[in-house]
Amino acid sequence: NEGADEAEDEDEEALGRAEKPVENLVKLVEQESEAQQRELEAMRLEEEYVRQQMHKQAVWNHVTSGYSRGHLDEQLEHFEGKEDPEAIHERMRERAQKTKNLKANAQVDAFLNLMAEKGGGNI
């Protein structure tokens, strides 16, 4: 019995020693797998960035095809609003006047509606 118990203990001890390297190997494989996943994700993000840049370039090429550089510069200046300062001030004055008139009209309408409501339809 003693010999069998000792043999059994030795077997358990040997099994424990054998399981340790297996557990370490499993952890190592899991770590490598996680590192590979991170690397794949980084590659995917880089590919997506490159794809977006290529798309922007393709759109720009499509938009600018058939136009001279001078024409594009002229359009850019127009788009950016580079024009005579007096023209800009005049346009701003017109917008301010329109806004002022709209606010005044809204106040007049609100006053007339209030008078009609409180006056039973009579102003």
Protein backbone atom coordinates (compact mmCIF):
# COMPACT_ATOMS: atom_id res chain seq x y z
CA ASN A 1 0.00 0.00 0.00
CA GLU A 2 2.79 2.35 0.91
CA GLY A 3 4.50 1.74 -2.40
CA ALA A 4 1.26 2.35 -4.26
CA ASP A 5 0.62 5.59 -2.34
CA GLU A 6 4.13 6.81 -3.04
CA ALA A 7 3.79 5.94 -6.71
CA GLU A 8 0.46 7.76 -6.81
CA ASP A 9 1.98 10.85 -5.16
CA GLU A 10 4.85 10.78 -7.62
CA ASP A 11 2.38 10.53 -10.51
CA GLU A 12 0.41 13.53 -9.22
CA GLU A 13 3.61 15.49 -8.71
CA ALA A 14 4.80 14.66 -12.24
CA LEU A 15 1.38 15.57 -13.61
CA GLY A 16 1.54 18.94 -11.79
CA ARG A 17 4.97 19.64 -13.26
CA ALA A 18 3.71 18.69 -16.72
CA GLU A 19 0.63 20.95 -16.42
CA LYS A 20 2.75 24.04 -15.58
CA PRO A 21 4.55 24.14 -18.96
CA VAL A 22 1.24 23.50 -20.72
CA GLU A 23 -0.40 26.40 -18.87
CA ASN A 24 2.60 28.60 -19.68
CA LEU A 25 2.41 27.56 -23.32
CA VAL A 26 -1.32 28.37 -23.44
CA LYS A 27 -0.66 31.82 -21.93
CA LEU A 28 2.13 32.42 -24.43
CA VAL A 29 -0.11 31.46 -27.36
CA GLU A 30 -2.90 33.72 -26.04
CA GLN A 31 -0.46 36.64 -25.71
CA GLU A 32 0.82 36.07 -29.24
CA SER A 33 -2.76 35.90 -30.49
CA GLU A 34 -3.62 39.21 -28.78
CA ALA A 35 -0.51 40.84 -30.25
CA GLN A 36 -1.46 39.56 -33.70
CA GLN A 37 -4.99 40.93 -33.25
CA ARG A 38 -3.60 44.36 -32.30
CA GLU A 39 -1.27 44.28 -35.28
CA LEU A 40 -4.12 43.31 -37.62
CA GLU A 41 -6.29 46.12 -36.22
CA ALA A 42 -3.47 48.63 -36.75
CA MET A 43 -3.05 47.40 -40.32
CA ARG A 44 -6.81 47.66 -40.91
CA LEU A 45 -6.84 51.24 -39.60
CA GLU A 46 -3.89 52.16 -41.79
CA GLU A 47 -5.58 50.63 -44.84
CA GLU A 48 -8.77 52.58 -44.05
CA TYR A 49 -6.79 55.83 -43.76
CA VAL A 50 -5.04 55.17 -47.09
CA ARG A 51 -8.41 54.33 -48.70
CA GLN A 52 -9.90 57.62 -47.44
CA GLN A 53 -6.91 59.61 -48.73
CA MET A 54 -7.17 57.92 -52.12
CA HIS A 55 -10.90 58.71 -52.23
CA LYS A 56 -10.23 62.38 -51.42
CA GLN A 57 -7.60 62.51 -54.15
CA ALA A 58 -9.96 60.87 -56.65
CA VAL A 59 -12.71 63.36 -55.83
CA TRP A 60 -10.27 66.26 -56.15
CA ASN A 61 -9.03 64.92 -59.50
CA HIS A 62 -12.61 64.57 -60.73
CA VAL A 63 -13.60 68.05 -59.58
CA THR A 64 -10.52 69.72 -61.05
CA SER A 65 -10.32 67.78 -64.32
CA GLY A 66 -10.70 69.97 -67.38
CA TYR A 67 -9.97 73.25 -65.60
CA SER A 68 -6.90 75.42 -65.83
CA ARG A 69 -4.99 76.43 -62.71
CA GLY A 70 -6.02 80.05 -63.26
CA HIS A 71 -9.69 79.09 -63.41
CA LEU A 72 -9.37 77.04 -60.22
CA ASP A 73 -7.62 79.91 -58.44
CA GLU A 74 -10.37 82.27 -59.58
CA GLN A 75 -13.06 79.91 -58.30
CA LEU A 76 -11.20 79.50 -55.01
CA GLU A 77 -10.99 83.25 -54.54
CA HIS A 78 -14.71 83.54 -55.26
CA PHE A 79 -15.49 80.71 -52.84
CA GLU A 80 -13.31 82.18 -50.09
CA GLY A 81 -14.95 85.56 -50.52
CA LYS A 82 -11.88 87.51 -51.62
CA GLU A 83 -13.47 90.58 -53.12
CA ASP A 84 -13.57 94.33 -52.84
CA PRO A 85 -13.99 95.40 -49.19
CA GLU A 86 -16.67 97.96 -50.12
CA ALA A 87 -18.73 95.21 -51.79
CA ILE A 88 -18.45 93.10 -48.64
CA HIS A 89 -19.58 96.02 -46.44
CA GLU A 90 -22.53 96.73 -48.75
CA ARG A 91 -23.62 93.10 -48.66
CA MET A 92 -23.35 93.09 -44.85
CA ARG A 93 -25.44 96.30 -44.64
CA GLU A 94 -28.13 94.72 -46.85
CA ARG A 95 -28.26 91.61 -44.67
CA ALA A 96 -28.47 93.71 -41.50
CA GLN A 97 -31.31 95.79 -42.97
CA LYS A 98 -33.22 92.66 -44.03
CA THR A 99 -32.79 91.16 -40.56
CA LYS A 100 -33.92 94.40 -38.95
CA ASN A 101 -37.00 94.54 -41.18
CA LEU A 102 -37.87 90.90 -40.49
CA LYS A 103 -37.64 91.47 -36.72
CA ALA A 104 -39.74 94.63 -36.96
CA ASN A 105 -42.36 92.87 -39.08
CA ALA A 106 -42.49 89.99 -36.61
CA GLN A 107 -43.02 92.43 -33.72
CA VAL A 108 -45.78 94.29 -35.61
CA ASP A 109 -47.51 91.00 -36.47
CA ALA A 110 -47.27 89.83 -32.86
CA PHE A 111 -48.76 93.15 -31.65
CA LEU A 112 -51.61 93.03 -34.16
CA ASN A 113 -52.36 89.40 -33.27
CA LEU A 114 -52.43 90.30 -29.57
CA MET A 115 -54.78 93.24 -30.25
CA ALA A 116 -57.08 91.05 -32.35
CA GLU A 117 -57.07 88.31 -29.71
CA LYS A 118 -57.77 90.65 -26.78
CA GLY A 119 -60.20 92.78 -28.79
CA GLY A 120 -62.37 89.87 -29.84
CA GLY A 121 -61.33 90.17 -33.48
CA ASN A 122 -61.30 93.97 -33.54
CA ILE A 123 -58.03 95.83 -33.57
